[in-house]
């Protein structure tokens, strides 16, 4: 791999990390801010889906 490829790879990795950091930061709740009912229901649904995914993973591990 030449220098151009190495530099492109490093820049791509750094830009992806910064982009992901910015997206996570924008979506994070602000300190001291109350949750709206939509946010609460969305988080509840996310917790339920994580719970179902973990349960499915447990079941598939038992079947092996």
PDB file of N, CA and C in Angstrom:
ATOM      1  N   UNK A   1       0.853  -1.174   0.000  1.00  0.00           N
ATOM      2  CA  UNK A   1       0.000   0.000   0.000  1.00  0.00           C
ATOM      3  C   UNK A   1       0.901   1.240   0.000  1.00  0.00           C
ATOM      4  N   UNK A   2       0.565   2.184  -0.836  1.00  0.00           N
ATOM      5  CA  UNK A   2       1.380   3.399  -0.908  1.00  0.00           C
ATOM      6  C   UNK A   2       0.926   4.421   0.137  1.00  0.00           C
ATOM      7  N   UNK A   3       1.639   5.512   0.212  1.00  0.00           N
ATOM      8  CA  UNK A   3       1.345   6.546   1.219  1.00  0.00           C
ATOM      9  C   UNK A   3      -0.051   7.131   1.041  1.00  0.00           C
ATOM     10  N   UNK A   4      -0.471   7.292  -0.211  1.00  0.00           N
ATOM     11  CA  UNK A   4      -1.795   7.860  -0.468  1.00  0.00           C
ATOM     12  C   UNK A   4      -2.890   6.963   0.120  1.00  0.00           C
ATOM     13  N   UNK A   5      -2.749   5.666  -0.041  1.00  0.00           N
ATOM     14  CA  UNK A   5      -3.734   4.732   0.504  1.00  0.00           C
ATOM     15  C   UNK A   5      -3.759   4.743   2.018  1.00  0.00           C
ATOM     16  N   UNK A   6      -2.586   4.819   2.621  1.00  0.00           N
ATOM     17  CA  UNK A   6      -2.508   4.851   4.089  1.00  0.00           C
ATOM     18  C   UNK A   6      -3.147   6.125   4.631  1.00  0.00           C
ATOM     19  N   UNK A   7      -2.836   7.259   3.999  1.00  0.00           N
ATOM     20  CA  UNK A   7      -3.406   8.536   4.448  1.00  0.00           C
ATOM     21  C   UNK A   7      -4.919   8.538   4.272  1.00  0.00           C
ATOM     22  N   UNK A   8      -5.398   8.032   3.128  1.00  0.00           N
ATOM     23  CA  UNK A   8      -6.848   7.958   2.905  1.00  0.00           C
ATOM     24  C   UNK A   8      -7.526   7.098   3.961  1.00  0.00           C
ATOM     25  N   UNK A   9      -6.917   5.963   4.296  1.00  0.00           N
ATOM     26  CA  UNK A   9      -7.495   5.070   5.293  1.00  0.00           C
ATOM     27  C   UNK A   9      -7.565   5.764   6.659  1.00  0.00           C
ATOM     28  N   UNK A  10      -6.485   6.423   7.062  1.00  0.00           N
ATOM     29  CA  UNK A  10      -6.472   7.101   8.360  1.00  0.00           C
ATOM     30  C   UNK A  10      -7.484   8.239   8.415  1.00  0.00           C
ATOM     31  N   UNK A  11      -7.581   9.005   7.332  1.00  0.00           N
ATOM     32  CA  UNK A  11      -8.549  10.108   7.294  1.00  0.00           C
ATOM     33  C   UNK A  11      -9.972   9.566   7.344  1.00  0.00           C
ATOM     34  N   UNK A  12     -10.242   8.463   6.637  1.00  0.00           N
ATOM     35  CA  UNK A  12     -11.578   7.864   6.639  1.00  0.00           C
ATOM     36  C   UNK A  12     -11.938   7.372   8.036  1.00  0.00           C
ATOM     37  N   UNK A  13     -11.010   6.719   8.714  1.00  0.00           N
ATOM     38  CA  UNK A  13     -11.266   6.230  10.073  1.00  0.00           C
ATOM     39  C   UNK A  13     -11.549   7.395  11.016  1.00  0.00           C
ATOM     40  N   UNK A  14     -10.712   8.435  10.946  1.00  0.00           N
ATOM     41  CA  UNK A  14     -10.891   9.588  11.837  1.00  0.00           C
ATOM     42  C   UNK A  14     -12.211  10.300  11.565  1.00  0.00           C
ATOM     43  N   UNK A  15     -12.551  10.485  10.288  1.00  0.00           N
ATOM     44  CA  UNK A  15     -13.796  11.196   9.973  1.00  0.00           C
ATOM     45  C   UNK A  15     -15.012  10.386  10.405  1.00  0.00           C
ATOM     46  N   UNK A  16     -14.975   9.063  10.252  1.00  0.00           N
ATOM     47  CA  UNK A  16     -16.100   8.229  10.698  1.00  0.00           C
ATOM     48  C   UNK A  16     -16.271   8.306  12.212  1.00  0.00           C
ATOM     49  N   UNK A  17     -15.160   8.283  12.942  1.00  0.00           N
ATOM     50  CA  UNK A  17     -15.259   8.373  14.405  1.00  0.00           C
ATOM     51  C   UNK A  17     -15.825   9.713  14.839  1.00  0.00           C
ATOM     52  N   UNK A  18     -15.357  10.790  14.205  1.00  0.00           N
ATOM     53  CA  UNK A  18     -15.871  12.115  14.569  1.00  0.00           C
ATOM     54  C   UNK A  18     -17.349  12.246  14.217  1.00  0.00           C
ATOM     55  N   UNK A  19     -17.752  11.698  13.079  1.00  0.00           N
ATOM     56  CA  UNK A  19     -19.150  11.751  12.671  1.00  0.00           C
ATOM     57  C   UNK A  19     -20.018  10.980  13.662  1.00  0.00           C
ATOM     58  N   UNK A  20     -19.583   9.782  14.036  1.00  0.00           N
ATOM     59  CA  UNK A  20     -20.341   8.988  15.010  1.00  0.00           C
ATOM     60  C   UNK A  20     -20.412   9.690  16.361  1.00  0.00           C
ATOM     61  N   UNK A  21     -19.311  10.312  16.787  1.00  0.00           N
ATOM     62  CA  UNK A  21     -19.297  11.043  18.050  1.00  0.00           C
ATOM     63  C   UNK A  21     -20.310  12.179  18.011  1.00  0.00           C
ATOM     64  N   UNK A  22     -20.347  12.922  16.907  1.00  0.00           N
ATOM     65  CA  UNK A  22     -21.280  14.037  16.781  1.00  0.00           C
ATOM     66  C   UNK A  22     -22.728  13.586  16.778  1.00  0.00           C
ATOM     67  N   UNK A  23     -23.001  12.483  16.089  1.00  0.00           N
ATOM     68  CA  UNK A  23     -24.375  11.970  16.041  1.00  0.00           C
ATOM     69  C   UNK A  23     -24.813  11.521  17.427  1.00  0.00           C
ATOM     70  N   UNK A  24     -23.949  10.797  18.140  1.00  0.00           N
ATOM     71  CA  UNK A  24     -24.298  10.363  19.503  1.00  0.00           C
ATOM     72  C   UNK A  24     -24.504  11.559  20.413  1.00  0.00           C
ATOM     73  N   UNK A  25     -23.676  12.579  20.258  1.00  0.00           N
ATOM     74  CA  UNK A  25     -23.772  13.761  21.119  1.00  0.00           C
ATOM     75  C   UNK A  25     -25.064  14.532  20.848  1.00  0.00           C
ATOM     76  N   UNK A  26     -25.474  14.620  19.587  1.00  0.00           N
ATOM     77  CA  UNK A  26     -26.703  15.337  19.249  1.00  0.00           C
ATOM     78  C   UNK A  26     -27.932  14.605  19.793  1.00  0.00           C
ATOM     79  N   UNK A  27     -27.891  13.270  19.808  1.00  0.00           N
ATOM     80  CA  UNK A  27     -29.046  12.491  20.255  1.00  0.00           C
ATOM     81  C   UNK A  27     -29.082  12.288  21.762  1.00  0.00           C
ATOM     82  N   UNK A  28     -28.012  12.623  22.455  1.00  0.00           N
ATOM     83  CA  UNK A  28     -27.964  12.422  23.906  1.00  0.00           C
ATOM     84  C   UNK A  28     -28.910  13.405  24.593  1.00  0.00           C
ATOM     85  N   UNK A  29     -29.521  12.978  25.694  1.00  0.00           N
ATOM     86  CA  UNK A  29     -30.402  13.903  26.417  1.00  0.00           C
ATOM     87  C   UNK A  29     -29.600  15.028  27.049  1.00  0.00           C
ATOM     88  N   UNK A  30     -30.182  16.209  27.053  1.00  0.00           N
ATOM     89  CA  UNK A  30     -29.519  17.368  27.655  1.00  0.00           C
ATOM     90  C   UNK A  30     -29.638  17.254  29.173  1.00  0.00           C
ATOM     91  N   UNK A  31     -28.637  17.714  29.922  1.00  0.00           N
ATOM     92  CA  UNK A  31     -28.711  17.602  31.383  1.00  0.00           C
ATOM     93  C   UNK A  31     -29.862  18.432  31.949  1.00  0.00           C
ATOM     94  N   UNK A  32     -30.643  17.814  32.822  1.00  0.00           N
ATOM     95  CA  UNK A  32     -31.743  18.510  33.471  1.00  0.00           C
ATOM     96  C   UNK A  32     -32.987  18.638  32.612  1.00  0.00           C
ATOM     97  N   UNK A  33     -33.019  18.003  31.465  1.00  0.00           N
ATOM     98  CA  UNK A  33     -34.169  18.128  30.562  1.00  0.00           C
ATOM     99  C   UNK A  33     -35.146  16.987  30.818  1.00  0.00           C
ATOM    100  N   UNK A  34     -36.430  17.308  30.864  1.00  0.00           N
ATOM    101  CA  UNK A  34     -37.458  16.290  31.051  1.00  0.00           C
ATOM    102  C   UNK A  34     -37.682  15.550  29.741  1.00  0.00           C
ATOM    103  N   UNK A  35     -38.033  14.267  29.862  1.00  0.00           N
ATOM    104  CA  UNK A  35     -38.321  13.474  28.676  1.00  0.00           C
ATOM    105  C   UNK A  35     -39.752  13.713  28.222  1.00  0.00           C
ATOM    106  N   UNK A  36     -39.936  13.736  26.917  1.00  0.00           N
ATOM    107  CA  UNK A  36     -41.288  13.823  26.382  1.00  0.00           C
ATOM    108  C   UNK A  36     -41.898  12.423  26.410  1.00  0.00           C
ATOM    109  N   UNK A  37     -43.216  12.317  26.345  1.00  0.00           N
ATOM    110  CA  UNK A  37     -43.838  10.984  26.324  1.00  0.00           C
ATOM    111  C   UNK A  37     -43.376  10.136  25.134  1.00  0.00           C
ATOM    112  N   UNK A  38     -43.106  10.778  23.991  1.00  0.00           N
ATOM    113  CA  UNK A  38     -42.633  10.026  22.830  1.00  0.00           C
ATOM    114  C   UNK A  38     -41.257   9.419  23.107  1.00  0.00           C
ATOM    115  N   UNK A  39     -40.383  10.206  23.728  1.00  0.00           N
ATOM    116  CA  UNK A  39     -39.049   9.692  24.043  1.00  0.00           C
ATOM    117  C   UNK A  39     -39.140   8.530  25.030  1.00  0.00           C
ATOM    118  N   UNK A  40     -40.007   8.682  26.017  1.00  0.00           N
ATOM    119  CA  UNK A  40     -40.166   7.631  27.014  1.00  0.00           C
ATOM    120  C   UNK A  40     -40.662   6.340  26.371  1.00  0.00           C
ATOM    121  N   UNK A  41     -41.666   6.461  25.493  1.00  0.00           N
ATOM    122  CA  UNK A  41     -42.203   5.257  24.856  1.00  0.00           C
ATOM    123  C   UNK A  41     -41.181   4.644  23.901  1.00  0.00           C
ATOM    124  N   UNK A  42     -40.394   5.481  23.234  1.00  0.00           N
ATOM    125  CA  UNK A  42     -39.362   4.970  22.324  1.00  0.00           C
ATOM    126  C   UNK A  42     -38.293   4.202  23.102  1.00  0.00           C
ATOM    127  N   UNK A  43     -37.890   4.745  24.256  1.00  0.00           N
ATOM    128  CA  UNK A  43     -36.889   4.065  25.074  1.00  0.00           C
ATOM    129  C   UNK A  43     -37.443   2.769  25.656  1.00  0.00           C
ATOM    130  N   UNK A  44     -38.700   2.782  26.042  1.00  0.00           N
ATOM    131  CA  UNK A  44     -39.326   1.571  26.569  1.00  0.00           C
ATOM    132  C   UNK A  44     -39.369   0.490  25.491  1.00  0.00           C
ATOM    133  N   UNK A  45     -39.732   0.883  24.266  1.00  0.00           N
ATOM    134  CA  UNK A  45     -39.771  -0.075  23.160  1.00  0.00           C
ATOM    135  C   UNK A  45     -38.373  -0.612  22.856  1.00  0.00           C
ATOM    136  N   UNK A  46     -37.372   0.245  22.939  1.00  0.00           N
ATOM    137  CA  UNK A  46     -35.995  -0.194  22.690  1.00  0.00           C
ATOM    138  C   UNK A  46     -35.556  -1.199  23.751  1.00  0.00           C
ATOM    139  N   UNK A  47     -35.904  -0.933  25.011  1.00  0.00           N
ATOM    140  CA  UNK A  47     -35.551  -1.875  26.078  1.00  0.00           C
ATOM    141  C   UNK A  47     -36.239  -3.218  25.874  1.00  0.00           C
ATOM    142  N   UNK A  48     -37.502  -3.191  25.461  1.00  0.00           N
ATOM    143  CA  UNK A  48     -38.233  -4.435  25.212  1.00  0.00           C
ATOM    144  C   UNK A  48     -37.606  -5.228  24.070  1.00  0.00           C
ATOM    145  N   UNK A  49     -37.204  -4.534  23.004  1.00  0.00           N
ATOM    146  CA  UNK A  49     -36.601  -5.248  21.873  1.00  0.00           C
ATOM    147  C   UNK A  49     -35.242  -5.826  22.250  1.00  0.00           C
ATOM    148  N   UNK A  50     -34.487  -5.121  23.088  1.00  0.00           N
ATOM    149  CA  UNK A  50     -33.204  -5.658  23.561  1.00  0.00           C
ATOM    150  C   UNK A  50     -33.455  -6.893  24.413  1.00  0.00           C
ATOM    151  N   UNK A  51     -34.485  -6.830  25.239  1.00  0.00           N
ATOM    152  CA  UNK A  51     -34.833  -7.964  26.093  1.00  0.00           C
ATOM    153  C   UNK A  51     -35.192  -9.187  25.243  1.00  0.00           C
ATOM    154  N   UNK A  52     -35.993  -8.965  24.176  1.00  0.00           N
ATOM    155  CA  UNK A  52     -36.364 -10.068  23.284  1.00  0.00           C
ATOM    156  C   UNK A  52     -35.146 -10.619  22.551  1.00  0.00           C
ATOM    157  N   UNK A  53     -34.245  -9.742  22.120  1.00  0.00           N
ATOM    158  CA  UNK A  53     -33.050 -10.193  21.402  1.00  0.00           C
ATOM    159  C   UNK A  53     -32.159 -11.032  22.308  1.00  0.00           C
ATOM    160  N   UNK A  54     -32.009 -10.613  23.566  1.00  0.00           N
ATOM    161  CA  UNK A  54     -31.202 -11.400  24.505  1.00  0.00           C
ATOM    162  C   UNK A  54     -31.831 -12.758  24.761  1.00  0.00           C
ATOM    163  N   UNK A  55     -33.153 -12.769  24.877  1.00  0.00           N
ATOM    164  CA  UNK A  55     -33.851 -14.026  25.112  1.00  0.00           C
ATOM    165  C   UNK A  55     -33.678 -14.954  23.913  1.00  0.00           C
ATOM    166  N   UNK A  56     -33.781 -14.410  22.699  1.00  0.00           N
ATOM    167  CA  UNK A  56     -33.591 -15.218  21.494  1.00  0.00           C
ATOM    168  C   UNK A  56     -32.164 -15.756  21.427  1.00  0.00           C
ATOM    169  N   UNK A  57     -31.195 -14.948  21.817  1.00  0.00           N
ATOM    170  CA  UNK A  57     -29.802 -15.404  21.813  1.00  0.00           C
ATOM    171  C   UNK A  57     -29.608 -16.534  22.816  1.00  0.00           C
ATOM    172  N   UNK A  58     -30.242 -16.411  23.988  1.00  0.00           N
ATOM    173  CA  UNK A  58     -30.143 -17.472  24.994  1.00  0.00           C
ATOM    174  C   UNK A  58     -30.734 -18.772  24.470  1.00  0.00           C
ATOM    175  N   UNK A  59     -31.892 -18.669  23.832  1.00  0.00           N
ATOM    176  CA  UNK A  59     -32.564 -19.862  23.322  1.00  0.00           C
ATOM    177  C   UNK A  59     -31.734 -20.516  22.229  1.00  0.00           C
ATOM    178  N   UNK A  60     -31.184 -19.719  21.316  1.00  0.00           N
ATOM    179  CA  UNK A  60     -30.384 -20.309  20.236  1.00  0.00           C
ATOM    180  C   UNK A  60     -29.100 -20.932  20.778  1.00  0.00           C
ATOM    181  N   UNK A  61     -28.541 -20.376  21.849  1.00  0.00           N
ATOM    182  CA  UNK A  61     -27.348 -21.002  22.450  1.00  0.00           C
ATOM    183  C   UNK A  61     -27.701 -22.364  23.037  1.00  0.00           C
ATOM    184  N   UNK A  62     -28.886 -22.483  23.608  1.00  0.00           N
ATOM    185  CA  UNK A  62     -29.309 -23.767  24.176  1.00  0.00           C
ATOM    186  C   UNK A  62     -29.525 -24.810  23.091  1.00  0.00           C
ATOM    187  N   UNK A  63     -29.994 -24.393  21.924  1.00  0.00           N
ATOM    188  CA  UNK A  63     -30.303 -25.337  20.858  1.00  0.00           C
ATOM    189  C   UNK A  63     -29.057 -25.934  20.215  1.00  0.00           C
ATOM    190  N   UNK A  64     -27.940 -25.264  20.325  1.00  0.00           N
ATOM    191  CA  UNK A  64     -26.718 -25.791  19.693  1.00  0.00           C
ATOM    192  C   UNK A  64     -26.191 -27.008  20.367  1.00  0.00           C
TER     193      UNK A  64
END
